[in-house]
């Protein structure tokens, strides 16, 4: 693990969150919904992987996204239980997007992205941006 890799992860999280915010701001439609879900997928990946890299550098074992998110909560990178619940729902929705496509499911996930997830991902990208690599 290197500082340069972490800086790349910080940049990936920031840029992908900005692209997700751009998608969320578009007028609704099927193509926008699908693009938003795609951007959500890669933003979620960029964010949890940045968290994992940082936490592992701090001496924690993380594994996959769920243990990483739980460790981020323990380490106060996710500041409260309510937000932690959103992150776990986000992970569940992210897992659903990669297995099968269903119009109703896609619409529900899109609503969650617009209502909650995009803002939480953007905020976490900001938190990651200011983390120091000792």
C-alpha atoms as a PDB file:
ATOM      1  CA  UNK A   1       0.000   0.000   0.000  1.00  0.00           C
ATOM      2  CA  UNK A   2       1.423   3.302  -1.015  1.00  0.00           C
ATOM      3  CA  UNK A   3       0.498   6.884  -0.511  1.00  0.00           C
ATOM      4  CA  UNK A   4       0.316   7.277  -4.303  1.00  0.00           C
ATOM      5  CA  UNK A   5      -2.287   4.506  -4.529  1.00  0.00           C
ATOM      6  CA  UNK A   6      -4.339   6.159  -1.817  1.00  0.00           C
ATOM      7  CA  UNK A   7      -4.159   9.512  -3.617  1.00  0.00           C
ATOM      8  CA  UNK A   8      -5.466   7.723  -6.730  1.00  0.00           C
ATOM      9  CA  UNK A   9      -8.309   6.239  -4.691  1.00  0.00           C
ATOM     10  CA  UNK A  10      -9.143   9.670  -3.266  1.00  0.00           C
ATOM     11  CA  UNK A  11      -9.260  11.081  -6.791  1.00  0.00           C
ATOM     12  CA  UNK A  12     -11.383   8.177  -8.071  1.00  0.00           C
ATOM     13  CA  UNK A  13     -13.890   8.647  -5.240  1.00  0.00           C
ATOM     14  CA  UNK A  14     -14.095  12.411  -5.812  1.00  0.00           C
ATOM     15  CA  UNK A  15     -14.442  12.166  -9.595  1.00  0.00           C
ATOM     16  CA  UNK A  16     -16.953   9.345  -9.577  1.00  0.00           C
ATOM     17  CA  UNK A  17     -19.092  11.123  -6.949  1.00  0.00           C
ATOM     18  CA  UNK A  18     -19.102  14.231  -9.139  1.00  0.00           C
ATOM     19  CA  UNK A  19     -20.190  12.176 -12.146  1.00  0.00           C
ATOM     20  CA  UNK A  20     -22.954  10.575 -10.090  1.00  0.00           C
ATOM     21  CA  UNK A  21     -24.142  14.004  -8.946  1.00  0.00           C
ATOM     22  CA  UNK A  22     -24.236  15.070 -12.594  1.00  0.00           C
ATOM     23  CA  UNK A  23     -26.397  12.041 -13.500  1.00  0.00           C
ATOM     24  CA  UNK A  24     -28.760  12.629 -10.572  1.00  0.00           C
ATOM     25  CA  UNK A  25     -29.341  16.209 -11.730  1.00  0.00           C
ATOM     26  CA  UNK A  26     -30.589  15.147 -15.187  1.00  0.00           C
ATOM     27  CA  UNK A  27     -34.277  15.084 -16.135  1.00  0.00           C
ATOM     28  CA  UNK A  28     -35.811  11.651 -15.496  1.00  0.00           C
ATOM     29  CA  UNK A  29     -36.001   9.000 -18.187  1.00  0.00           C
ATOM     30  CA  UNK A  30     -35.030   5.387 -18.808  1.00  0.00           C
ATOM     31  CA  UNK A  31     -31.583   6.198 -20.179  1.00  0.00           C
ATOM     32  CA  UNK A  32     -30.855   8.607 -17.334  1.00  0.00           C
ATOM     33  CA  UNK A  33     -32.060   6.016 -14.808  1.00  0.00           C
ATOM     34  CA  UNK A  34     -29.779   3.374 -16.271  1.00  0.00           C
ATOM     35  CA  UNK A  35     -26.805   5.759 -16.482  1.00  0.00           C
ATOM     36  CA  UNK A  36     -27.394   6.869 -12.892  1.00  0.00           C
ATOM     37  CA  UNK A  37     -27.418   3.272 -11.695  1.00  0.00           C
ATOM     38  CA  UNK A  38     -24.189   2.575 -13.602  1.00  0.00           C
ATOM     39  CA  UNK A  39     -22.527   5.638 -12.077  1.00  0.00           C
ATOM     40  CA  UNK A  40     -23.808   4.619  -8.655  1.00  0.00           C
ATOM     41  CA  UNK A  41     -22.173   1.213  -9.080  1.00  0.00           C
ATOM     42  CA  UNK A  42     -18.736   2.563  -9.892  1.00  0.00           C
ATOM     43  CA  UNK A  43     -18.973   5.370  -7.315  1.00  0.00           C
ATOM     44  CA  UNK A  44     -19.857   2.906  -4.588  1.00  0.00           C
ATOM     45  CA  UNK A  45     -16.893   0.738  -5.638  1.00  0.00           C
ATOM     46  CA  UNK A  46     -14.485   3.689  -5.652  1.00  0.00           C
ATOM     47  CA  UNK A  47     -15.618   4.871  -2.224  1.00  0.00           C
ATOM     48  CA  UNK A  48     -15.549   1.559  -0.387  1.00  0.00           C
ATOM     49  CA  UNK A  49     -12.181   0.666  -1.913  1.00  0.00           C
ATOM     50  CA  UNK A  50     -10.727   4.010  -0.797  1.00  0.00           C
ATOM     51  CA  UNK A  51     -12.073   3.385   2.703  1.00  0.00           C
ATOM     52  CA  UNK A  52     -10.610  -0.118   2.698  1.00  0.00           C
ATOM     53  CA  UNK A  53      -7.178   1.084   1.625  1.00  0.00           C
ATOM     54  CA  UNK A  54      -7.146   3.793   4.307  1.00  0.00           C
ATOM     55  CA  UNK A  55      -8.389   1.487   7.067  1.00  0.00           C
ATOM     56  CA  UNK A  56      -5.916  -1.244   6.163  1.00  0.00           C
ATOM     57  CA  UNK A  57      -3.129   1.326   6.273  1.00  0.00           C
ATOM     58  CA  UNK A  58      -4.328   2.161   9.778  1.00  0.00           C
ATOM     59  CA  UNK A  59      -3.820  -1.499  10.731  1.00  0.00           C
ATOM     60  CA  UNK A  60      -7.355  -2.862  10.351  1.00  0.00           C
ATOM     61  CA  UNK A  61      -8.397  -5.949   8.423  1.00  0.00           C
ATOM     62  CA  UNK A  62     -11.363  -5.179   6.223  1.00  0.00           C
ATOM     63  CA  UNK A  63     -12.057  -7.825   3.598  1.00  0.00           C
ATOM     64  CA  UNK A  64     -15.025  -6.981   1.383  1.00  0.00           C
ATOM     65  CA  UNK A  65     -17.377  -4.014   1.370  1.00  0.00           C
ATOM     66  CA  UNK A  66     -19.600  -5.030   4.307  1.00  0.00           C
ATOM     67  CA  UNK A  67     -16.729  -5.496   6.801  1.00  0.00           C
ATOM     68  CA  UNK A  68     -15.100  -2.330   5.451  1.00  0.00           C
ATOM     69  CA  UNK A  69     -18.275  -0.313   6.040  1.00  0.00           C
ATOM     70  CA  UNK A  70     -18.669  -1.754   9.524  1.00  0.00           C
ATOM     71  CA  UNK A  71     -15.055  -0.879  10.342  1.00  0.00           C
ATOM     72  CA  UNK A  72     -15.584   2.631   8.903  1.00  0.00           C
ATOM     73  CA  UNK A  73     -18.471   3.018  11.354  1.00  0.00           C
ATOM     74  CA  UNK A  74     -16.366   1.790  14.298  1.00  0.00           C
ATOM     75  CA  UNK A  75     -13.614   4.235  13.287  1.00  0.00           C
ATOM     76  CA  UNK A  76     -16.126   7.138  12.996  1.00  0.00           C
ATOM     77  CA  UNK A  77     -15.675   7.570   9.239  1.00  0.00           C
ATOM     78  CA  UNK A  78     -19.393   6.815   9.168  1.00  0.00           C
ATOM     79  CA  UNK A  79     -20.484   9.086  12.020  1.00  0.00           C
ATOM     80  CA  UNK A  80     -23.717   7.544  13.291  1.00  0.00           C
ATOM     81  CA  UNK A  81     -25.915   4.446  13.255  1.00  0.00           C
ATOM     82  CA  UNK A  82     -28.530   6.037  11.009  1.00  0.00           C
ATOM     83  CA  UNK A  83     -25.949   6.733   8.331  1.00  0.00           C
ATOM     84  CA  UNK A  84     -24.467   3.250   8.804  1.00  0.00           C
ATOM     85  CA  UNK A  85     -27.904   1.798   8.045  1.00  0.00           C
ATOM     86  CA  UNK A  86     -28.044   3.804   4.813  1.00  0.00           C
ATOM     87  CA  UNK A  87     -24.611   2.474   3.824  1.00  0.00           C
ATOM     88  CA  UNK A  88     -25.724  -1.123   4.409  1.00  0.00           C
ATOM     89  CA  UNK A  89     -28.901  -0.550   2.361  1.00  0.00           C
ATOM     90  CA  UNK A  90     -26.729   1.032  -0.305  1.00  0.00           C
ATOM     91  CA  UNK A  91     -24.530  -2.074  -0.356  1.00  0.00           C
ATOM     92  CA  UNK A  92     -27.588  -4.314  -0.669  1.00  0.00           C
ATOM     93  CA  UNK A  93     -28.890  -2.235  -3.576  1.00  0.00           C
ATOM     94  CA  UNK A  94     -25.447  -2.246  -5.190  1.00  0.00           C
ATOM     95  CA  UNK A  95     -25.398  -6.034  -4.995  1.00  0.00           C
ATOM     96  CA  UNK A  96     -28.854  -6.224  -6.542  1.00  0.00           C
ATOM     97  CA  UNK A  97     -27.866  -4.056  -9.516  1.00  0.00           C
ATOM     98  CA  UNK A  98     -25.124  -6.437 -10.564  1.00  0.00           C
ATOM     99  CA  UNK A  99     -27.139  -9.668 -10.660  1.00  0.00           C
ATOM    100  CA  UNK A 100     -30.319  -9.173 -12.628  1.00  0.00           C
ATOM    101  CA  UNK A 101     -32.209  -6.443 -14.384  1.00  0.00           C
ATOM    102  CA  UNK A 102     -35.803  -5.772 -13.453  1.00  0.00           C
ATOM    103  CA  UNK A 103     -37.632  -2.534 -14.317  1.00  0.00           C
ATOM    104  CA  UNK A 104     -39.338  -2.208 -10.951  1.00  0.00           C
ATOM    105  CA  UNK A 105     -36.142  -2.972  -9.050  1.00  0.00           C
ATOM    106  CA  UNK A 106     -34.161  -0.519 -11.197  1.00  0.00           C
ATOM    107  CA  UNK A 107     -36.726   2.221 -10.599  1.00  0.00           C
ATOM    108  CA  UNK A 108     -36.645   1.639  -6.839  1.00  0.00           C
ATOM    109  CA  UNK A 109     -32.862   1.697  -6.711  1.00  0.00           C
ATOM    110  CA  UNK A 110     -32.818   4.845  -8.840  1.00  0.00           C
ATOM    111  CA  UNK A 111     -35.194   6.534  -6.384  1.00  0.00           C
ATOM    112  CA  UNK A 112     -32.871   5.555  -3.515  1.00  0.00           C
ATOM    113  CA  UNK A 113     -29.856   6.933  -5.373  1.00  0.00           C
ATOM    114  CA  UNK A 114     -31.567  10.250  -6.041  1.00  0.00           C
ATOM    115  CA  UNK A 115     -33.126  10.548  -2.569  1.00  0.00           C
ATOM    116  CA  UNK A 116     -30.177   9.421  -0.423  1.00  0.00           C
ATOM    117  CA  UNK A 117     -27.253   7.554  -1.888  1.00  0.00           C
ATOM    118  CA  UNK A 118     -25.752  10.207  -4.146  1.00  0.00           C
ATOM    119  CA  UNK A 119     -25.553  12.682  -1.272  1.00  0.00           C
ATOM    120  CA  UNK A 120     -24.006  10.124   1.106  1.00  0.00           C
ATOM    121  CA  UNK A 121     -21.469   9.071  -1.516  1.00  0.00           C
ATOM    122  CA  UNK A 122     -20.539  12.700  -2.212  1.00  0.00           C
ATOM    123  CA  UNK A 123     -20.147  13.414   1.480  1.00  0.00           C
ATOM    124  CA  UNK A 124     -17.989  10.325   1.976  1.00  0.00           C
ATOM    125  CA  UNK A 125     -15.834  11.314  -1.008  1.00  0.00           C
ATOM    126  CA  UNK A 126     -15.285  14.670   0.765  1.00  0.00           C
ATOM    127  CA  UNK A 127     -14.369  12.875   4.000  1.00  0.00           C
ATOM    128  CA  UNK A 128     -11.952  10.616   2.135  1.00  0.00           C
ATOM    129  CA  UNK A 129     -10.409  13.629   0.395  1.00  0.00           C
ATOM    130  CA  UNK A 130      -9.201  15.076   3.696  1.00  0.00           C
ATOM    131  CA  UNK A 131      -7.886  11.844   5.237  1.00  0.00           C
ATOM    132  CA  UNK A 132      -4.169  11.952   5.879  1.00  0.00           C
ATOM    133  CA  UNK A 133      -1.901   9.095   4.887  1.00  0.00           C
ATOM    134  CA  UNK A 134       0.640   8.959   7.721  1.00  0.00           C
END
